Amino acid sequence: MKEILLNDDVLCVKNLTKIYRRYERPLDRLKEFFVNGNRHTEFAALKDVSFSLKKGESLGVIGENGAGKSTLLQLIAGTLTPTYGTIQIKGTVLALLELGIGFHPEFTGRENIFFYGDLLGLPRSYIQSKYEEIVSFSELSSFIDMPLQTYSTGMQMRLAFSLVSSLEPDILIVDEALSVGDLHFQKKCIDRIIEFKNRGRTIIFCSHSTYQVSILCDRVIWLKNGMIEMFDRPEKVIPAYEFYQLGKNNTPEHVEVSPSNDLPVVIRELEMINRPPIRRGDDLKFRLLIESISDELPYNVTLSIKIESGWGVNATGTHLAGREPLRGKRREIIITYPNIPLLGGIYYAHARVFDDKGLMVYHEKVLPPFEIVKESLELGFCHLENRWEIR
């Protein structure tokens, strides 16, 4: 159910719930319709979700597969109807969902652009004024008069993102669409989303890339089993979610995103040089081995130290410290934290490699937790020199 907002919010979701009926056999659905008796089980994809957004805010949505992220975005976009709860919206909403935006496969790219405008009730003259911008951004001018069914999935998503973002809605929803296609176009999409945000538009951004969420979003919802696990600023939600993910891996091996042929830069190795026991005052050392497809490709590298709960202790990196991006097909990096002031506890290290602007994550590795020996009863994670005068 959708209502019109009467306050300063552009989006308000209250007690949103989506329940699906599951049948063991297709015939059971027909039997239930004509014969009394329950022949289904219920599955709640989304349960009692509530939040609001103001104009210009950007919301990130994170969570594991099956957590309810796509269901939530489809409900806001209007492609699904809630079982319970309300959705209040002020302004226009356009969504680029994982499922696409309803293009007709037998129409050409050009015809689909105008077809989509007709579905939205937009004047042909307005779509015509945006046409060159849409085609230019999509980089599909050579294919624009070919049937959509001849496009690859990545080409279809290029056209869809170019179209939706060029129409400048009040609320833009992007659901994992940037995971399709090459890194060059993903980077263009991120840049356009940032421009969209800087113009004061509202964005709902769903992605498995927690770094992109942290850069683009003002607040983050972590969905777990269809419910909101956390809803707060990125610096609170993302570390907790990353540590939750880390805790699911019970093996002593490195946790990593498997490199593939289309990744331009990878972290081949990440290790802590220190050998236990590690104590406050030691020099903490890490070694990274970076491999790139080209000597000329610029990239940035970061390393974060985090405590067991997921909160960040320190994040350093080439672009964070104002250094120039790195280049080279194979670079070994030694990062030393001299005379560490860390108190005893459990910590872990998280390395990432980015594009030249520090926006697009190419690859990442996380080290298993390491322990710093606890030698006092002091609390916290950092030792601060202190002097007492008792009179």
Protein backbone atom coordinates (compact mmCIF):
# COMPACT_ATOMS: atom_id res chain seq x y z
CA MET A 1 0.00 0.00 0.00
CA LYS A 2 1.42 3.40 -0.98
CA GLU A 3 0.44 6.73 0.53
CA ILE A 4 1.49 10.36 -0.03
CA LEU A 5 3.85 11.82 2.58
CA LEU A 6 2.76 14.90 4.47
CA ASN A 7 6.09 15.61 6.27
CA ASP A 8 9.68 16.36 5.22
CA ASP A 9 10.52 12.72 4.45
CA VAL A 10 10.61 11.58 0.83
CA LEU A 11 10.23 7.93 1.84
CA CYS A 12 8.68 6.34 4.91
CA VAL A 13 8.37 2.57 5.34
CA LYS A 14 6.29 1.27 8.25
CA ASN A 15 5.97 -2.33 9.45
CA LEU A 16 6.64 -3.66 5.94
CA THR A 17 6.08 -7.40 5.65
CA LYS A 18 6.07 -9.69 2.61
CA ILE A 19 4.85 -13.28 2.98
CA TYR A 20 4.96 -15.86 0.20
CA ARG A 21 2.97 -19.07 0.02
CA ARG A 22 4.91 -22.23 -0.77
CA TYR A 23 3.31 -25.29 -2.36
CA GLU A 24 4.93 -28.71 -2.66
CA ARG A 25 3.21 -29.34 -6.02
CA PRO A 26 1.57 -26.96 -8.52
CA LEU A 27 -1.66 -28.95 -8.21
CA ASP A 28 -1.89 -28.06 -4.51
CA ARG A 29 -2.52 -24.44 -5.41
CA LEU A 30 -5.53 -25.44 -7.51
CA LYS A 31 -6.85 -27.81 -4.83
CA GLU A 32 -6.61 -25.10 -2.20
CA PHE A 33 -8.61 -22.73 -4.41
CA PHE A 34 -11.51 -25.15 -5.00
CA VAL A 35 -11.39 -27.29 -1.84
CA ASN A 36 -11.33 -26.09 1.74
CA GLY A 37 -8.08 -26.77 3.53
CA ASN A 38 -4.62 -25.30 3.83
CA ARG A 39 -2.17 -26.86 1.36
CA HIS A 40 0.68 -24.36 1.67
CA THR A 41 3.37 -23.18 4.06
CA GLU A 42 4.25 -19.53 4.53
CA PHE A 43 7.66 -17.90 4.14
CA ALA A 44 8.25 -14.34 5.35
CA ALA A 45 10.83 -12.77 3.01
CA LEU A 46 10.52 -9.47 4.90
CA LYS A 47 9.29 -8.97 8.46
CA ASP A 48 8.18 -5.73 10.12
CA VAL A 49 10.71 -3.39 8.46
CA SER A 50 10.43 0.35 9.26
CA PHE A 51 12.62 3.33 8.32
CA SER A 52 12.46 6.76 6.67
CA LEU A 53 14.61 8.87 4.34
CA LYS A 54 14.85 12.60 3.82
CA LYS A 55 15.57 14.39 0.55
CA GLY A 56 19.22 14.06 -0.46
CA GLU A 57 19.97 11.12 1.84
CA SER A 58 21.60 7.98 0.51
CA LEU A 59 20.66 4.62 2.01
CA GLY A 60 22.78 1.49 1.69
CA VAL A 61 21.21 -1.96 1.97
CA ILE A 62 23.52 -4.87 2.81
CA GLY A 63 23.05 -8.48 3.82
CA GLU A 64 23.61 -12.02 2.69
CA ASN A 65 21.82 -13.64 -0.24
CA GLY A 66 18.26 -14.37 0.80
CA ALA A 67 18.23 -11.71 3.52
CA GLY A 68 15.36 -9.81 1.85
CA LYS A 69 17.27 -6.99 0.14
CA SER A 70 15.74 -7.39 -3.34
CA THR A 71 12.28 -7.93 -1.87
CA LEU A 72 12.53 -4.65 0.04
CA LEU A 73 13.64 -2.72 -3.05
CA GLN A 74 10.98 -4.28 -5.27
CA LEU A 75 8.32 -3.29 -2.74
CA ILE A 76 9.55 0.31 -2.71
CA ALA A 77 9.76 0.33 -6.52
CA GLY A 78 6.18 -0.94 -6.75
CA THR A 79 6.89 -4.20 -8.58
CA LEU A 80 5.71 -6.17 -5.53
CA THR A 81 2.76 -5.60 -3.19
CA PRO A 82 3.33 -5.83 0.57
CA THR A 83 1.40 -8.33 2.65
CA TYR A 84 1.30 -5.87 5.55
CA GLY A 85 2.61 -2.39 6.19
CA THR A 86 2.75 0.90 4.27
CA ILE A 87 5.13 2.67 1.91
CA GLN A 88 4.84 6.47 1.71
CA ILE A 89 6.66 8.24 -1.15
CA LYS A 90 7.04 11.86 -2.20
CA GLY A 91 8.26 12.36 -5.78
CA THR A 92 9.22 9.98 -8.58
CA VAL A 93 10.94 6.63 -8.06
CA LEU A 94 12.91 4.75 -10.70
CA ALA A 95 14.61 1.45 -9.99
CA LEU A 96 17.39 -0.48 -11.63
CA LEU A 97 16.76 -3.90 -10.16
CA GLU A 98 18.71 -7.10 -10.57
CA LEU A 99 15.82 -8.30 -12.73
CA GLY A 100 16.10 -5.37 -15.16
CA ILE A 101 13.42 -2.75 -15.85
CA GLY A 102 10.98 -4.54 -18.18
CA PHE A 103 12.50 -4.04 -21.61
CA HIS A 104 10.83 -5.86 -24.54
CA PRO A 105 13.29 -8.41 -25.98
CA GLU A 106 12.05 -8.04 -29.58
CA PHE A 107 12.34 -4.25 -29.60
CA THR A 108 15.60 -2.56 -30.53
CA GLY A 109 17.57 -0.59 -27.97
CA ARG A 110 16.24 2.65 -29.46
CA GLU A 111 12.63 1.40 -29.36
CA ASN A 112 13.02 0.25 -25.74
CA ILE A 113 14.20 3.69 -24.66
CA PHE A 114 10.99 5.28 -25.96
CA PHE A 115 8.88 2.30 -24.87
CA TYR A 116 10.08 2.73 -21.28
CA GLY A 117 9.32 6.45 -21.45
CA ASP A 118 5.79 5.63 -22.63
CA LEU A 119 5.33 3.24 -19.68
CA LEU A 120 6.27 6.07 -17.32
CA GLY A 121 3.91 8.47 -19.08
CA LEU A 122 6.74 10.81 -20.09
CA PRO A 123 6.38 13.01 -23.20
CA ARG A 124 8.18 11.74 -26.31
CA SER A 125 9.83 15.16 -26.63
CA TYR A 126 11.45 14.75 -23.18
CA ILE A 127 12.82 11.28 -24.01
CA GLN A 128 14.08 12.65 -27.33
CA SER A 129 15.94 15.42 -25.49
CA LYS A 130 17.66 12.77 -23.33
CA TYR A 131 18.25 10.24 -26.11
CA GLU A 132 21.81 11.24 -27.11
CA GLU A 133 22.92 11.37 -23.47
CA ILE A 134 21.49 7.89 -22.82
CA VAL A 135 23.16 6.29 -25.83
CA SER A 136 26.47 8.07 -25.29
CA PHE A 137 26.74 6.99 -21.65
CA SER A 138 25.80 3.39 -22.48
CA GLU A 139 28.50 3.20 -25.21
CA LEU A 140 26.05 1.13 -27.30
CA SER A 141 25.63 3.36 -30.35
CA SER A 142 26.76 0.51 -32.66
CA PHE A 143 24.05 -1.78 -31.26
CA ILE A 144 21.21 0.65 -30.55
CA ASP A 145 19.15 -0.45 -33.61
CA MET A 146 19.58 -4.17 -32.93
CA PRO A 147 16.93 -6.24 -31.08
CA LEU A 148 17.48 -6.39 -27.33
CA GLN A 149 17.46 -10.19 -27.44
CA THR A 150 20.83 -10.02 -29.23
CA TYR A 151 22.35 -8.02 -26.32
CA SER A 152 24.44 -9.69 -23.63
CA THR A 153 23.31 -9.32 -20.00
CA GLY A 154 25.98 -6.68 -19.48
CA MET A 155 24.84 -4.69 -22.52
CA GLN A 156 21.23 -4.77 -21.34
CA MET A 157 22.27 -3.49 -17.92
CA ARG A 158 24.34 -0.73 -19.55
CA LEU A 159 21.28 0.48 -21.44
CA ALA A 160 19.05 0.18 -18.38
CA PHE A 161 21.38 2.13 -16.08
CA SER A 162 22.00 4.81 -18.68
CA LEU A 163 18.26 5.25 -19.22
CA VAL A 164 17.16 5.25 -15.58
CA SER A 165 19.93 7.55 -14.34
CA SER A 166 19.45 10.02 -17.23
CA LEU A 167 15.77 10.52 -16.36
CA GLU A 168 16.80 12.00 -12.98
CA PRO A 169 14.12 10.63 -10.61
CA ASP A 170 13.69 12.00 -7.09
CA ILE A 171 14.59 8.56 -5.69
CA LEU A 172 16.97 6.25 -7.56
CA ILE A 173 17.11 2.57 -6.56
CA VAL A 174 20.13 0.50 -7.66
CA ASP A 175 20.10 -3.20 -6.77
CA GLU A 176 23.33 -5.10 -7.53
CA ALA A 177 23.21 -3.88 -11.12
CA LEU A 178 26.82 -2.72 -10.98
CA SER A 179 28.02 -6.31 -10.50
CA VAL A 180 27.12 -6.98 -14.16
CA GLY A 181 29.52 -5.95 -16.90
CA ASP A 182 33.13 -4.81 -17.03
CA LEU A 183 34.97 -2.74 -14.45
CA HIS A 184 35.25 0.24 -16.82
CA PHE A 185 31.47 0.67 -16.95
CA GLN A 186 31.05 -0.11 -13.25
CA LYS A 187 33.38 2.81 -12.53
CA LYS A 188 31.33 5.09 -14.81
CA CYS A 189 28.19 4.09 -12.93
CA ILE A 190 29.77 4.85 -9.54
CA ASP A 191 30.87 8.28 -10.79
CA ARG A 192 27.35 9.04 -12.05
CA ILE A 193 25.77 7.92 -8.77
CA ILE A 194 28.10 10.28 -6.90
CA GLU A 195 27.08 13.12 -9.25
CA PHE A 196 23.43 12.21 -8.66
CA LYS A 197 24.00 12.34 -4.89
CA ASN A 198 25.82 15.68 -5.12
CA ARG A 199 22.76 17.17 -6.85
CA GLY A 200 20.69 16.45 -3.73
CA ARG A 201 18.78 13.42 -5.02
CA THR A 202 17.87 10.45 -2.82
CA ILE A 203 19.54 7.10 -3.49
CA ILE A 204 18.89 3.57 -2.26
CA PHE A 205 21.96 1.49 -3.08
CA CYS A 206 22.16 -2.28 -2.58
CA SER A 207 25.55 -3.92 -3.02
CA HIS A 208 27.84 -6.63 -1.68
CA SER A 209 30.69 -4.09 -1.85
CA THR A 210 30.71 -2.64 1.66
CA TYR A 211 33.36 -0.11 0.65
CA GLN A 212 31.16 1.35 -2.10
CA VAL A 213 28.28 1.48 0.37
CA SER A 214 30.48 3.31 2.91
CA ILE A 215 31.53 5.89 0.28
CA LEU A 216 28.09 6.48 -1.26
CA CYS A 217 25.69 6.17 1.66
CA ASP A 218 24.78 8.30 4.68
CA ARG A 219 23.01 5.47 6.50
CA VAL A 220 22.97 1.69 6.11
CA ILE A 221 20.41 -1.04 6.75
CA TRP A 222 21.78 -4.52 7.46
CA LEU A 223 19.07 -7.07 6.69
CA LYS A 224 19.30 -10.52 8.23
CA ASN A 225 16.62 -13.20 7.76
CA GLY A 226 14.16 -10.59 6.50
CA MET A 227 14.55 -8.26 9.49
CA ILE A 228 16.65 -5.18 10.23
CA GLU A 229 19.70 -6.31 12.19
CA MET A 230 21.19 -2.78 12.31
CA PHE A 231 20.23 0.63 10.95
CA ASP A 232 22.76 3.38 11.54
CA ARG A 233 25.69 5.28 10.05
CA PRO A 234 28.06 3.30 7.78
CA GLU A 235 30.94 3.49 10.27
CA LYS A 236 28.81 1.57 12.77
CA VAL A 237 26.97 -0.93 10.58
CA ILE A 238 29.65 -1.98 8.08
CA PRO A 239 32.35 -3.05 10.59
CA ALA A 240 29.77 -5.12 12.46
CA TYR A 241 28.61 -6.77 9.24
CA GLU A 242 32.17 -7.46 8.07
CA PHE A 243 33.06 -9.05 11.39
CA TYR A 244 29.90 -11.16 11.24
CA GLN A 245 31.00 -12.40 7.82
CA LEU A 246 34.51 -13.07 9.09
CA GLY A 247 33.17 -15.07 12.02
CA LYS A 248 31.33 -17.44 9.66
CA ASN A 249 34.66 -18.69 8.29
CA ASN A 250 36.04 -21.21 10.76
CA THR A 251 39.09 -22.27 8.77
CA PRO A 252 42.58 -20.84 9.43
CA GLU A 253 42.98 -20.00 5.76
CA HIS A 254 42.80 -16.46 4.38
CA VAL A 255 39.33 -15.13 3.58
CA GLU A 256 39.38 -13.67 0.09
CA VAL A 257 37.48 -12.79 -3.01
CA SER A 258 38.66 -15.27 -5.62
CA PRO A 259 40.51 -13.39 -8.36
CA SER A 260 39.29 -13.86 -11.91
CA ASN A 261 40.65 -12.99 -15.31
CA ASP A 262 38.82 -9.67 -15.52
CA LEU A 263 40.36 -8.25 -12.32
CA PRO A 264 43.08 -5.77 -13.29
CA VAL A 265 44.84 -5.86 -9.89
CA VAL A 266 44.84 -8.52 -7.16
CA ILE A 267 46.35 -8.96 -3.72
CA ARG A 268 48.24 -12.17 -4.31
CA GLU A 269 49.54 -12.46 -0.74
CA LEU A 270 48.80 -10.86 2.62
CA GLU A 271 50.63 -11.94 5.78
CA MET A 272 51.61 -10.68 9.18
CA ILE A 273 55.39 -10.88 9.58
CA ASN A 274 55.31 -10.86 13.39
CA ARG A 275 55.37 -14.16 15.20
CA PRO A 276 53.40 -14.62 18.44
CA PRO A 277 53.35 -13.65 21.18
CA ILE A 278 52.72 -10.01 20.18
CA ARG A 279 52.82 -7.39 22.94
CA ARG A 280 52.15 -3.69 23.27
CA GLY A 281 55.27 -1.82 22.19
CA ASP A 282 56.25 -4.30 19.46
CA ASP A 283 56.64 -3.27 15.84
CA LEU A 284 53.63 -4.74 14.00
CA LYS A 285 54.51 -5.65 10.40
CA PHE A 286 52.47 -6.78 7.40
CA ARG A 287 53.56 -7.87 3.93
CA LEU A 288 51.45 -7.54 0.78
CA LEU A 289 52.22 -8.82 -2.71
CA ILE A 290 50.27 -6.97 -5.41
CA GLU A 291 49.97 -8.12 -9.04
CA SER A 292 48.64 -5.98 -11.90
CA ILE A 293 47.89 -6.68 -15.56
CA SER A 294 49.96 -3.64 -16.64
CA ASP A 295 52.98 -1.60 -15.58
CA GLU A 296 51.06 1.58 -16.40
CA LEU A 297 47.78 0.92 -14.58
CA PRO A 298 47.45 3.17 -11.46
CA TYR A 299 45.92 1.68 -8.32
CA ASN A 300 45.66 2.38 -4.58
CA VAL A 301 46.23 0.02 -1.65
CA THR A 302 44.81 0.27 1.88
CA LEU A 303 45.26 -1.69 5.08
CA SER A 304 42.84 -1.53 8.02
CA ILE A 305 43.35 -2.80 11.57
CA LYS A 306 40.11 -3.68 13.33
CA ILE A 307 39.14 -4.97 16.75
CA GLU A 308 37.21 -8.19 17.27
CA SER A 309 33.81 -6.46 17.30
CA GLY A 310 34.52 -5.05 13.83
CA TRP A 311 35.24 -1.46 14.84
CA GLY A 312 38.15 0.13 13.01
CA VAL A 313 41.31 1.02 14.91
CA ASN A 314 43.20 2.51 11.96
CA ALA A 315 42.98 2.60 8.18
CA THR A 316 45.95 3.70 6.12
CA GLY A 317 46.52 3.66 2.39
CA THR A 318 48.10 5.40 -0.56
CA HIS A 319 45.18 7.70 -1.36
CA LEU A 320 44.16 8.07 2.30
CA ALA A 321 47.63 9.40 3.15
CA GLY A 322 47.87 11.63 0.06
CA ARG A 323 50.37 9.42 -1.76
CA GLU A 324 50.40 8.94 -5.50
CA PRO A 325 48.75 5.75 -6.86
CA LEU A 326 51.05 2.77 -7.33
CA ARG A 327 52.05 1.23 -10.66
CA GLY A 328 53.82 -1.96 -11.61
CA LYS A 329 52.98 -5.54 -12.52
CA ARG A 330 54.36 -6.91 -9.24
CA ARG A 331 54.88 -4.84 -6.10
CA GLU A 332 55.84 -6.03 -2.64
CA ILE A 333 54.73 -3.73 0.19
CA ILE A 334 55.88 -3.86 3.81
CA ILE A 335 53.72 -1.85 6.21
CA THR A 336 55.17 -1.30 9.71
CA TYR A 337 53.34 0.08 12.73
CA PRO A 338 56.23 0.93 15.11
CA ASN A 339 55.87 0.60 18.86
CA ILE A 340 52.16 -0.26 18.71
CA PRO A 341 50.10 1.22 21.56
CA LEU A 342 47.41 -1.48 21.27
CA LEU A 343 46.18 -3.11 24.47
CA GLY A 344 45.70 -6.85 24.75
CA GLY A 345 42.87 -8.28 22.69
CA ILE A 346 41.84 -9.81 19.38
CA TYR A 347 42.46 -7.85 16.15
CA TYR A 348 42.41 -8.52 12.42
CA ALA A 349 43.76 -6.90 9.25
CA HIS A 350 41.82 -6.11 6.07
CA ALA A 351 43.64 -5.15 2.84
CA ARG A 352 42.02 -3.71 -0.28
CA VAL A 353 43.22 -2.58 -3.70
CA PHE A 354 41.30 0.21 -5.50
CA ASP A 355 41.26 2.08 -8.78
CA ASP A 356 43.21 5.32 -9.26
CA LYS A 357 40.50 7.40 -7.51
CA GLY A 358 40.06 5.07 -4.54
CA LEU A 359 36.40 4.34 -5.33
CA MET A 360 36.24 0.99 -7.14
CA VAL A 361 37.36 -2.06 -5.14
CA TYR A 362 39.34 -4.38 -7.39
CA HIS A 363 40.24 -7.03 -4.81
CA GLU A 364 40.49 -7.59 -1.05
CA LYS A 365 41.90 -9.99 1.53
CA VAL A 366 41.21 -10.42 5.24
CA LEU A 367 43.67 -12.03 7.64
CA PRO A 368 42.41 -14.35 10.39
CA PRO A 369 42.30 -12.69 13.82
CA PHE A 370 45.56 -12.28 15.73
CA GLU A 371 46.02 -11.72 19.47
CA ILE A 372 47.98 -9.10 21.35
CA VAL A 373 48.90 -10.38 24.81
CA LYS A 374 46.98 -8.72 27.64
CA GLU A 375 49.49 -7.58 30.29
CA SER A 376 47.33 -5.29 32.43
CA LEU A 377 43.74 -4.76 33.52
CA GLU A 378 43.40 -1.53 31.50
CA LEU A 379 40.33 -1.36 29.30
CA GLY A 380 39.92 -0.19 25.70
CA PHE A 381 42.10 -0.96 22.70
CA CYS A 382 44.73 1.79 22.83
CA HIS A 383 47.19 2.64 25.61
CA LEU A 384 47.43 6.35 26.46
CA GLU A 385 50.32 7.55 28.61
CA ASN A 386 48.95 9.01 31.82
CA ARG A 387 50.29 10.61 35.02
CA TRP A 388 48.44 10.72 38.32
CA GLU A 389 48.85 13.34 41.05
CA ILE A 390 47.00 12.40 44.21
CA ARG A 391 47.00 15.01 46.98
